[in-house]
């Protein structure tokens, strides 16, 4: 699969491991989740110091990452509650209300 960035025309190439008859829409939808995941890790690195640990053992690293991911999940839940409904659902609700 090849994706072209609309702003600069940069190409990104993806190899997929899926059943042969998987629809292209499914592949695109699933690959689109990758950007959300990468953005989440970038946020965790910047705001919660995910990448700034000086652990000397696997156990220390595992605990650090676990605590950072727990803190990030908590912040995401708080942000979602503070912002109200899911933006996609809000958009659908406003379209339904506009039709009435």
PDB file of N, CA and C in Angstrom:
ATOM      1  N   UNK A   1       0.853  -1.161   0.000  1.00  0.00           N
ATOM      2  CA  UNK A   1       0.000   0.000   0.000  1.00  0.00           C
ATOM      3  C   UNK A   1       0.905   1.231   0.000  1.00  0.00           C
ATOM      4  N   UNK A   2       0.522   2.258  -0.728  1.00  0.00           N
ATOM      5  CA  UNK A   2       1.293   3.501  -0.808  1.00  0.00           C
ATOM      6  C   UNK A   2       0.376   4.652  -0.439  1.00  0.00           C
ATOM      7  N   UNK A   3       0.861   5.542   0.440  1.00  0.00           N
ATOM      8  CA  UNK A   3       0.099   6.713   0.844  1.00  0.00           C
ATOM      9  C   UNK A   3       0.881   7.952   0.420  1.00  0.00           C
ATOM     10  N   UNK A   4       0.161   8.921  -0.139  1.00  0.00           N
ATOM     11  CA  UNK A   4       0.791  10.187  -0.539  1.00  0.00           C
ATOM     12  C   UNK A   4       0.296  11.283   0.372  1.00  0.00           C
ATOM     13  N   UNK A   5       1.228  12.027   0.977  1.00  0.00           N
ATOM     14  CA  UNK A   5       0.886  13.150   1.836  1.00  0.00           C
ATOM     15  C   UNK A   5       0.390  14.289   0.956  1.00  0.00           C
ATOM     16  N   UNK A   6      -0.786  14.815   1.264  1.00  0.00           N
ATOM     17  CA  UNK A   6      -1.384  15.843   0.403  1.00  0.00           C
ATOM     18  C   UNK A   6      -0.609  17.153   0.400  1.00  0.00           C
ATOM     19  N   UNK A   7       0.002  17.512   1.520  1.00  0.00           N
ATOM     20  CA  UNK A   7       0.694  18.795   1.611  1.00  0.00           C
ATOM     21  C   UNK A   7       1.967  18.845   0.790  1.00  0.00           C
ATOM     22  N   UNK A   8       2.792  17.791   0.883  1.00  0.00           N
ATOM     23  CA  UNK A   8       4.087  17.859   0.207  1.00  0.00           C
ATOM     24  C   UNK A   8       4.318  16.755  -0.821  1.00  0.00           C
ATOM     25  N   UNK A   9       3.349  15.870  -1.002  1.00  0.00           N
ATOM     26  CA  UNK A   9       3.475  14.807  -1.993  1.00  0.00           C
ATOM     27  C   UNK A   9       4.385  13.667  -1.587  1.00  0.00           C
ATOM     28  N   UNK A  10       4.876  13.678  -0.343  1.00  0.00           N
ATOM     29  CA  UNK A  10       5.762  12.618   0.132  1.00  0.00           C
ATOM     30  C   UNK A  10       5.026  11.282   0.140  1.00  0.00           C
ATOM     31  N   UNK A  11       5.726  10.226  -0.272  1.00  0.00           N
ATOM     32  CA  UNK A  11       5.135   8.898  -0.324  1.00  0.00           C
ATOM     33  C   UNK A  11       5.561   8.074   0.875  1.00  0.00           C
ATOM     34  N   UNK A  12       4.625   7.299   1.407  1.00  0.00           N
ATOM     35  CA  UNK A  12       4.909   6.350   2.485  1.00  0.00           C
ATOM     36  C   UNK A  12       4.470   4.977   1.999  1.00  0.00           C
ATOM     37  N   UNK A  13       5.307   3.977   2.205  1.00  0.00           N
ATOM     38  CA  UNK A  13       5.041   2.624   1.724  1.00  0.00           C
ATOM     39  C   UNK A  13       4.764   1.706   2.908  1.00  0.00           C
ATOM     40  N   UNK A  14       3.757   0.841   2.758  1.00  0.00           N
ATOM     41  CA  UNK A  14       3.360  -0.061   3.826  1.00  0.00           C
ATOM     42  C   UNK A  14       3.258  -1.479   3.284  1.00  0.00           C
ATOM     43  N   UNK A  15       3.772  -2.415   4.046  1.00  0.00           N
ATOM     44  CA  UNK A  15       3.605  -3.826   3.750  1.00  0.00           C
ATOM     45  C   UNK A  15       2.552  -4.354   4.705  1.00  0.00           C
ATOM     46  N   UNK A  16       1.601  -5.095   4.196  1.00  0.00           N
ATOM     47  CA  UNK A  16       0.547  -5.616   5.059  1.00  0.00           C
ATOM     48  C   UNK A  16       0.583  -7.135   5.070  1.00  0.00           C
ATOM     49  N   UNK A  17       0.198  -7.697   6.181  1.00  0.00           N
ATOM     50  CA  UNK A  17       0.078  -9.142   6.336  1.00  0.00           C
ATOM     51  C   UNK A  17      -1.375  -9.407   6.686  1.00  0.00           C
ATOM     52  N   UNK A  18      -2.161  -9.711   5.683  1.00  0.00           N
ATOM     53  CA  UNK A  18      -3.591  -9.921   5.880  1.00  0.00           C
ATOM     54  C   UNK A  18      -4.085 -10.949   4.861  1.00  0.00           C
ATOM     55  N   UNK A  19      -5.308 -11.433   5.052  1.00  0.00           N
ATOM     56  CA  UNK A  19      -5.860 -12.362   4.055  1.00  0.00           C
ATOM     57  C   UNK A  19      -5.896 -11.719   2.661  1.00  0.00           C
ATOM     58  N   UNK A  20      -5.754 -12.522   1.632  1.00  0.00           N
ATOM     59  CA  UNK A  20      -5.637 -12.026   0.255  1.00  0.00           C
ATOM     60  C   UNK A  20      -6.837 -11.194  -0.194  1.00  0.00           C
ATOM     61  N   UNK A  21      -8.020 -11.476   0.278  1.00  0.00           N
ATOM     62  CA  UNK A  21      -9.215 -10.765  -0.195  1.00  0.00           C
ATOM     63  C   UNK A  21      -9.665  -9.643   0.737  1.00  0.00           C
ATOM     64  N   UNK A  22      -8.777  -9.143   1.550  1.00  0.00           N
ATOM     65  CA  UNK A  22      -9.128  -8.035   2.441  1.00  0.00           C
ATOM     66  C   UNK A  22      -9.398  -6.793   1.597  1.00  0.00           C
ATOM     67  N   UNK A  23     -10.556  -6.148   1.799  1.00  0.00           N
ATOM     68  CA  UNK A  23     -10.881  -4.952   0.999  1.00  0.00           C
ATOM     69  C   UNK A  23      -9.903  -3.801   1.262  1.00  0.00           C
ATOM     70  N   UNK A  24      -9.653  -3.009   0.251  1.00  0.00           N
ATOM     71  CA  UNK A  24      -8.741  -1.875   0.366  1.00  0.00           C
ATOM     72  C   UNK A  24      -9.233  -0.884   1.427  1.00  0.00           C
ATOM     73  N   UNK A  25     -10.548  -0.710   1.547  1.00  0.00           N
ATOM     74  CA  UNK A  25     -11.098   0.205   2.551  1.00  0.00           C
ATOM     75  C   UNK A  25     -10.693  -0.224   3.963  1.00  0.00           C
ATOM     76  N   UNK A  26     -10.689  -1.532   4.209  1.00  0.00           N
ATOM     77  CA  UNK A  26     -10.294  -2.051   5.511  1.00  0.00           C
ATOM     78  C   UNK A  26      -8.816  -1.782   5.773  1.00  0.00           C
ATOM     79  N   UNK A  27      -7.983  -2.014   4.773  1.00  0.00           N
ATOM     80  CA  UNK A  27      -6.548  -1.758   4.924  1.00  0.00           C
ATOM     81  C   UNK A  27      -6.278  -0.283   5.210  1.00  0.00           C
ATOM     82  N   UNK A  28      -6.950   0.595   4.483  1.00  0.00           N
ATOM     83  CA  UNK A  28      -6.757   2.030   4.670  1.00  0.00           C
ATOM     84  C   UNK A  28      -7.214   2.452   6.061  1.00  0.00           C
ATOM     85  N   UNK A  29      -8.362   1.947   6.505  1.00  0.00           N
ATOM     86  CA  UNK A  29      -8.888   2.293   7.826  1.00  0.00           C
ATOM     87  C   UNK A  29      -7.931   1.842   8.925  1.00  0.00           C
ATOM     88  N   UNK A  30      -7.449   0.625   8.818  1.00  0.00           N
ATOM     89  CA  UNK A  30      -6.542   0.100   9.839  1.00  0.00           C
ATOM     90  C   UNK A  30      -5.214   0.837   9.818  1.00  0.00           C
ATOM     91  N   UNK A  31      -4.682   1.109   8.639  1.00  0.00           N
ATOM     92  CA  UNK A  31      -3.414   1.841   8.543  1.00  0.00           C
ATOM     93  C   UNK A  31      -3.574   3.259   9.074  1.00  0.00           C
ATOM     94  N   UNK A  32      -4.772   3.826   8.936  1.00  0.00           N
ATOM     95  CA  UNK A  32      -5.026   5.160   9.471  1.00  0.00           C
ATOM     96  C   UNK A  32      -4.895   5.221  10.983  1.00  0.00           C
ATOM     97  N   UNK A  33      -5.153   4.121  11.673  1.00  0.00           N
ATOM     98  CA  UNK A  33      -4.994   4.080  13.129  1.00  0.00           C
ATOM     99  C   UNK A  33      -3.539   4.236  13.531  1.00  0.00           C
ATOM    100  N   UNK A  34      -2.641   3.910  12.642  1.00  0.00           N
ATOM    101  CA  UNK A  34      -1.206   4.009  12.939  1.00  0.00           C
ATOM    102  C   UNK A  34      -0.823   5.434  13.326  1.00  0.00           C
ATOM    103  N   UNK A  35      -1.405   6.412  12.636  1.00  0.00           N
ATOM    104  CA  UNK A  35      -1.058   7.810  12.908  1.00  0.00           C
ATOM    105  C   UNK A  35      -1.529   8.213  14.300  1.00  0.00           C
ATOM    106  N   UNK A  36      -2.683   7.741  14.718  1.00  0.00           N
ATOM    107  CA  UNK A  36      -3.174   8.029  16.063  1.00  0.00           C
ATOM    108  C   UNK A  36      -2.247   7.431  17.109  1.00  0.00           C
ATOM    109  N   UNK A  37      -1.810   6.208  16.874  1.00  0.00           N
ATOM    110  CA  UNK A  37      -0.915   5.534  17.818  1.00  0.00           C
ATOM    111  C   UNK A  37       0.427   6.261  17.879  1.00  0.00           C
ATOM    112  N   UNK A  38       0.981   6.628  16.736  1.00  0.00           N
ATOM    113  CA  UNK A  38       2.262   7.343  16.726  1.00  0.00           C
ATOM    114  C   UNK A  38       2.140   8.692  17.417  1.00  0.00           C
ATOM    115  N   UNK A  39       1.029   9.390  17.199  1.00  0.00           N
ATOM    116  CA  UNK A  39       0.801  10.678  17.847  1.00  0.00           C
ATOM    117  C   UNK A  39       0.699  10.498  19.358  1.00  0.00           C
ATOM    118  N   UNK A  40       0.047   9.424  19.781  1.00  0.00           N
ATOM    119  CA  UNK A  40      -0.072   9.151  21.215  1.00  0.00           C
ATOM    120  C   UNK A  40       1.292   8.901  21.841  1.00  0.00           C
ATOM    121  N   UNK A  41       2.138   8.120  21.182  1.00  0.00           N
ATOM    122  CA  UNK A  41       3.477   7.880  21.712  1.00  0.00           C
ATOM    123  C   UNK A  41       4.300   9.161  21.737  1.00  0.00           C
ATOM    124  N   UNK A  42       4.161   9.987  20.714  1.00  0.00           N
ATOM    125  CA  UNK A  42       4.892  11.260  20.680  1.00  0.00           C
ATOM    126  C   UNK A  42       4.456  12.153  21.833  1.00  0.00           C
ATOM    127  N   UNK A  43       3.156  12.202  22.096  1.00  0.00           N
ATOM    128  CA  UNK A  43       2.639  12.987  23.216  1.00  0.00           C
ATOM    129  C   UNK A  43       3.161  12.442  24.537  1.00  0.00           C
ATOM    130  N   UNK A  44       3.147  11.119  24.694  1.00  0.00           N
ATOM    131  CA  UNK A  44       3.649  10.509  25.929  1.00  0.00           C
ATOM    132  C   UNK A  44       5.138  10.800  26.107  1.00  0.00           C
ATOM    133  N   UNK A  45       5.889  10.813  25.015  1.00  0.00           N
ATOM    134  CA  UNK A  45       7.317  11.118  25.110  1.00  0.00           C
ATOM    135  C   UNK A  45       7.530  12.569  25.524  1.00  0.00           C
ATOM    136  N   UNK A  46       6.778  13.487  24.927  1.00  0.00           N
ATOM    137  CA  UNK A  46       6.985  14.906  25.196  1.00  0.00           C
ATOM    138  C   UNK A  46       6.427  15.343  26.543  1.00  0.00           C
ATOM    139  N   UNK A  47       5.213  14.924  26.875  1.00  0.00           N
ATOM    140  CA  UNK A  47       4.552  15.420  28.070  1.00  0.00           C
ATOM    141  C   UNK A  47       4.837  14.592  29.317  1.00  0.00           C
ATOM    142  N   UNK A  48       5.136  13.314  29.154  1.00  0.00           N
ATOM    143  CA  UNK A  48       5.288  12.440  30.315  1.00  0.00           C
ATOM    144  C   UNK A  48       6.668  11.800  30.405  1.00  0.00           C
ATOM    145  N   UNK A  49       7.602  12.263  29.588  1.00  0.00           N
ATOM    146  CA  UNK A  49       8.994  11.778  29.615  1.00  0.00           C
ATOM    147  C   UNK A  49       9.110  10.273  29.415  1.00  0.00           C
ATOM    148  N   UNK A  50       8.352   9.739  28.481  1.00  0.00           N
ATOM    149  CA  UNK A  50       8.434   8.316  28.192  1.00  0.00           C
ATOM    150  C   UNK A  50       9.846   7.918  27.782  1.00  0.00           C
ATOM    151  N   UNK A  51      10.526   8.792  27.049  1.00  0.00           N
ATOM    152  CA  UNK A  51      11.854   8.440  26.553  1.00  0.00           C
ATOM    153  C   UNK A  51      12.990   8.884  27.475  1.00  0.00           C
ATOM    154  N   UNK A  52      12.678   9.524  28.598  1.00  0.00           N
ATOM    155  CA  UNK A  52      13.721  10.002  29.498  1.00  0.00           C
ATOM    156  C   UNK A  52      13.770   9.146  30.757  1.00  0.00           C
ATOM    157  N   UNK A  53      14.207   7.943  30.601  1.00  0.00           N
ATOM    158  CA  UNK A  53      14.382   7.103  31.781  1.00  0.00           C
ATOM    159  C   UNK A  53      15.824   6.625  31.821  1.00  0.00           C
ATOM    160  N   UNK A  54      16.308   6.457  33.015  1.00  0.00           N
ATOM    161  CA  UNK A  54      17.686   5.992  33.189  1.00  0.00           C
ATOM    162  C   UNK A  54      17.683   4.666  33.937  1.00  0.00           C
ATOM    163  N   UNK A  55      16.862   3.775  33.484  1.00  0.00           N
ATOM    164  CA  UNK A  55      16.759   2.490  34.152  1.00  0.00           C
ATOM    165  C   UNK A  55      17.934   1.606  33.768  1.00  0.00           C
ATOM    166  N   UNK A  56      18.318   0.777  34.680  1.00  0.00           N
ATOM    167  CA  UNK A  56      19.443  -0.113  34.456  1.00  0.00           C
ATOM    168  C   UNK A  56      19.010  -1.575  34.348  1.00  0.00           C
ATOM    169  N   UNK A  57      17.714  -1.815  34.491  1.00  0.00           N
ATOM    170  CA  UNK A  57      17.229  -3.189  34.419  1.00  0.00           C
ATOM    171  C   UNK A  57      15.922  -3.237  33.645  1.00  0.00           C
ATOM    172  N   UNK A  58      15.582  -4.422  33.200  1.00  0.00           N
ATOM    173  CA  UNK A  58      14.329  -4.600  32.482  1.00  0.00           C
ATOM    174  C   UNK A  58      13.151  -4.283  33.396  1.00  0.00           C
ATOM    175  N   UNK A  59      13.224  -4.681  34.667  1.00  0.00           N
ATOM    176  CA  UNK A  59      12.121  -4.430  35.600  1.00  0.00           C
ATOM    177  C   UNK A  59      11.904  -2.936  35.796  1.00  0.00           C
ATOM    178  N   UNK A  60      12.980  -2.184  35.946  1.00  0.00           N
ATOM    179  CA  UNK A  60      12.860  -0.738  36.099  1.00  0.00           C
ATOM    180  C   UNK A  60      12.264  -0.090  34.867  1.00  0.00           C
ATOM    181  N   UNK A  61      12.734  -0.508  33.708  1.00  0.00           N
ATOM    182  CA  UNK A  61      12.197   0.036  32.454  1.00  0.00           C
ATOM    183  C   UNK A  61      10.721  -0.313  32.315  1.00  0.00           C
ATOM    184  N   UNK A  62      10.370  -1.555  32.602  1.00  0.00           N
ATOM    185  CA  UNK A  62       8.985  -2.004  32.488  1.00  0.00           C
ATOM    186  C   UNK A  62       8.083  -1.205  33.425  1.00  0.00           C
ATOM    187  N   UNK A  63       8.528  -0.962  34.643  1.00  0.00           N
ATOM    188  CA  UNK A  63       7.733  -0.171  35.589  1.00  0.00           C
ATOM    189  C   UNK A  63       7.592   1.262  35.111  1.00  0.00           C
ATOM    190  N   UNK A  64       8.661   1.838  34.604  1.00  0.00           N
ATOM    191  CA  UNK A  64       8.615   3.219  34.118  1.00  0.00           C
ATOM    192  C   UNK A  64       7.618   3.342  32.962  1.00  0.00           C
ATOM    193  N   UNK A  65       7.731   2.468  31.990  1.00  0.00           N
ATOM    194  CA  UNK A  65       6.834   2.516  30.834  1.00  0.00           C
ATOM    195  C   UNK A  65       5.397   2.266  31.271  1.00  0.00           C
ATOM    196  N   UNK A  66       5.183   1.322  32.163  1.00  0.00           N
ATOM    197  CA  UNK A  66       3.827   1.020  32.640  1.00  0.00           C
ATOM    198  C   UNK A  66       3.209   2.236  33.324  1.00  0.00           C
ATOM    199  N   UNK A  67       3.971   2.912  34.175  1.00  0.00           N
ATOM    200  CA  UNK A  67       3.449   4.094  34.862  1.00  0.00           C
ATOM    201  C   UNK A  67       3.169   5.238  33.895  1.00  0.00           C
ATOM    202  N   UNK A  68       4.055   5.440  32.929  1.00  0.00           N
ATOM    203  CA  UNK A  68       3.841   6.508  31.943  1.00  0.00           C
ATOM    204  C   UNK A  68       2.595   6.219  31.101  1.00  0.00           C
ATOM    205  N   UNK A  69       2.423   4.967  30.666  1.00  0.00           N
ATOM    206  CA  UNK A  69       1.253   4.621  29.862  1.00  0.00           C
ATOM    207  C   UNK A  69      -0.034   4.743  30.683  1.00  0.00           C
ATOM    208  N   UNK A  70       0.012   4.394  31.960  1.00  0.00           N
ATOM    209  CA  UNK A  70      -1.148   4.552  32.836  1.00  0.00           C
ATOM    210  C   UNK A  70      -1.492   6.033  32.995  1.00  0.00           C
ATOM    211  N   UNK A  71      -0.473   6.865  33.208  1.00  0.00           N
ATOM    212  CA  UNK A  71      -0.706   8.305  33.323  1.00  0.00           C
ATOM    213  C   UNK A  71      -1.274   8.862  32.022  1.00  0.00           C
ATOM    214  N   UNK A  72      -0.754   8.407  30.888  1.00  0.00           N
ATOM    215  CA  UNK A  72      -1.246   8.889  29.598  1.00  0.00           C
ATOM    216  C   UNK A  72      -2.699   8.478  29.377  1.00  0.00           C
ATOM    217  N   UNK A  73      -3.050   7.240  29.739  1.00  0.00           N
ATOM    218  CA  UNK A  73      -4.433   6.779  29.598  1.00  0.00           C
ATOM    219  C   UNK A  73      -5.357   7.608  30.483  1.00  0.00           C
ATOM    220  N   UNK A  74      -4.902   7.917  31.693  1.00  0.00           N
ATOM    221  CA  UNK A  74      -5.708   8.732  32.585  1.00  0.00           C
ATOM    222  C   UNK A  74      -5.917  10.131  32.020  1.00  0.00           C
ATOM    223  N   UNK A  75      -4.864  10.738  31.493  1.00  0.00           N
ATOM    224  CA  UNK A  75      -4.983  12.070  30.887  1.00  0.00           C
ATOM    225  C   UNK A  75      -5.909  12.054  29.671  1.00  0.00           C
ATOM    226  N   UNK A  76      -5.830  10.999  28.867  1.00  0.00           N
ATOM    227  CA  UNK A  76      -6.708  10.895  27.693  1.00  0.00           C
ATOM    228  C   UNK A  76      -8.167  10.779  28.123  1.00  0.00           C
ATOM    229  N   UNK A  77      -8.433  10.000  29.173  1.00  0.00           N
ATOM    230  CA  UNK A  77      -9.807   9.859  29.665  1.00  0.00           C
ATOM    231  C   UNK A  77     -10.327  11.181  30.222  1.00  0.00           C
ATOM    232  N   UNK A  78      -9.481  11.892  30.956  1.00  0.00           N
ATOM    233  CA  UNK A  78      -9.880  13.195  31.508  1.00  0.00           C
ATOM    234  C   UNK A  78     -10.153  14.183  30.378  1.00  0.00           C
ATOM    235  N   UNK A  79      -9.289  14.180  29.346  1.00  0.00           N
ATOM    236  CA  UNK A  79      -9.472  15.092  28.217  1.00  0.00           C
ATOM    237  C   UNK A  79     -10.773  14.788  27.482  1.00  0.00           C
ATOM    238  N   UNK A  80     -11.070  13.498  27.282  1.00  0.00           N
ATOM    239  CA  UNK A  80     -12.296  13.132  26.588  1.00  0.00           C
ATOM    240  C   UNK A  80     -13.516  13.559  27.391  1.00  0.00           C
ATOM    241  N   UNK A  81     -13.484  13.358  28.699  1.00  0.00           N
ATOM    242  CA  UNK A  81     -14.613  13.746  29.540  1.00  0.00           C
ATOM    243  C   UNK A  81     -14.772  15.265  29.545  1.00  0.00           C
ATOM    244  N   UNK A  82     -13.667  16.000  29.585  1.00  0.00           N
ATOM    245  CA  UNK A  82     -13.720  17.460  29.588  1.00  0.00           C
ATOM    246  C   UNK A  82     -14.241  18.013  28.270  1.00  0.00           C
ATOM    247  N   UNK A  83     -13.931  17.343  27.172  1.00  0.00           N
ATOM    248  CA  UNK A  83     -14.370  17.809  25.850  1.00  0.00           C
ATOM    249  C   UNK A  83     -15.778  17.378  25.508  1.00  0.00           C
ATOM    250  N   UNK A  84     -16.389  16.550  26.306  1.00  0.00           N
ATOM    251  CA  UNK A  84     -17.747  16.087  26.034  1.00  0.00           C
ATOM    252  C   UNK A  84     -17.739  14.874  25.140  1.00  0.00           C
ATOM    253  N   UNK A  85     -18.742  14.797  24.293  1.00  0.00           N
ATOM    254  CA  UNK A  85     -18.913  13.631  23.419  1.00  0.00           C
ATOM    255  C   UNK A  85     -17.776  13.535  22.418  1.00  0.00           C
ATOM    256  N   UNK A  86     -17.654  12.367  21.846  1.00  0.00           N
ATOM    257  CA  UNK A  86     -16.679  12.102  20.796  1.00  0.00           C
ATOM    258  C   UNK A  86     -16.912  13.082  19.643  1.00  0.00           C
ATOM    259  N   UNK A  87     -15.862  13.742  19.103  1.00  0.00           N
ATOM    260  CA  UNK A  87     -16.045  14.720  18.023  1.00  0.00           C
ATOM    261  C   UNK A  87     -16.789  14.150  16.821  1.00  0.00           C
ATOM    262  N   UNK A  88     -16.564  12.890  16.502  1.00  0.00           N
ATOM    263  CA  UNK A  88     -17.260  12.294  15.363  1.00  0.00           C
ATOM    264  C   UNK A  88     -18.742  12.209  15.665  1.00  0.00           C
ATOM    265  N   UNK A  89     -19.090  11.791  16.879  1.00  0.00           N
ATOM    266  CA  UNK A  89     -20.493  11.702  17.265  1.00  0.00           C
ATOM    267  C   UNK A  89     -21.123  13.080  17.322  1.00  0.00           C
ATOM    268  N   UNK A  90     -20.374  14.086  17.800  1.00  0.00           N
ATOM    269  CA  UNK A  90     -20.906  15.452  17.827  1.00  0.00           C
ATOM    270  C   UNK A  90     -21.201  15.923  16.417  1.00  0.00           C
ATOM    271  N   UNK A  91     -20.313  15.610  15.473  1.00  0.00           N
ATOM    272  CA  UNK A  91     -20.514  16.005  14.089  1.00  0.00           C
ATOM    273  C   UNK A  91     -21.756  15.350  13.496  1.00  0.00           C
ATOM    274  N   UNK A  92     -21.942  14.068  13.788  1.00  0.00           N
ATOM    275  CA  UNK A  92     -23.132  13.365  13.301  1.00  0.00           C
ATOM    276  C   UNK A  92     -24.387  13.943  13.938  1.00  0.00           C
ATOM    277  N   UNK A  93     -24.323  14.252  15.227  1.00  0.00           N
ATOM    278  CA  UNK A  93     -25.495  14.805  15.921  1.00  0.00           C
ATOM    279  C   UNK A  93     -25.872  16.160  15.323  1.00  0.00           C
ATOM    280  N   UNK A  94     -24.886  16.991  15.003  1.00  0.00           N
ATOM    281  CA  UNK A  94     -25.203  18.297  14.430  1.00  0.00           C
ATOM    282  C   UNK A  94     -25.798  18.166  13.034  1.00  0.00           C
ATOM    283  N   UNK A  95     -25.352  17.147  12.259  1.00  0.00           N
ATOM    284  CA  UNK A  95     -25.932  16.926  10.929  1.00  0.00           C
ATOM    285  C   UNK A  95     -27.380  16.460  11.042  1.00  0.00           C
ATOM    286  N   UNK A  96     -27.643  15.594  12.019  1.00  0.00           N
ATOM    287  CA  UNK A  96     -29.012  15.108  12.209  1.00  0.00           C
ATOM    288  C   UNK A  96     -29.910  16.251  12.631  1.00  0.00           C
ATOM    289  N   UNK A  97     -29.430  17.090  13.553  1.00  0.00           N
ATOM    290  CA  UNK A  97     -30.225  18.223  14.023  1.00  0.00           C
ATOM    291  C   UNK A  97     -30.464  19.226  12.891  1.00  0.00           C
ATOM    292  N   UNK A  98     -29.497  19.407  12.002  1.00  0.00           N
ATOM    293  CA  UNK A  98     -29.634  20.341  10.898  1.00  0.00           C
ATOM    294  C   UNK A  98     -30.705  19.890   9.904  1.00  0.00           C
ATOM    295  N   UNK A  99     -30.893  18.575   9.773  1.00  0.00           N
ATOM    296  CA  UNK A  99     -31.890  18.062   8.855  1.00  0.00           C
ATOM    297  C   UNK A  99     -33.302  18.301   9.353  1.00  0.00           C
ATOM    298  N   UNK A 100     -33.477  18.433  10.660  1.00  0.00           N
ATOM    299  CA  UNK A 100     -34.814  18.588  11.239  1.00  0.00           C
ATOM    300  C   UNK A 100     -35.315  19.947  11.060  1.00  0.00           C
TER     301      UNK A 100
END
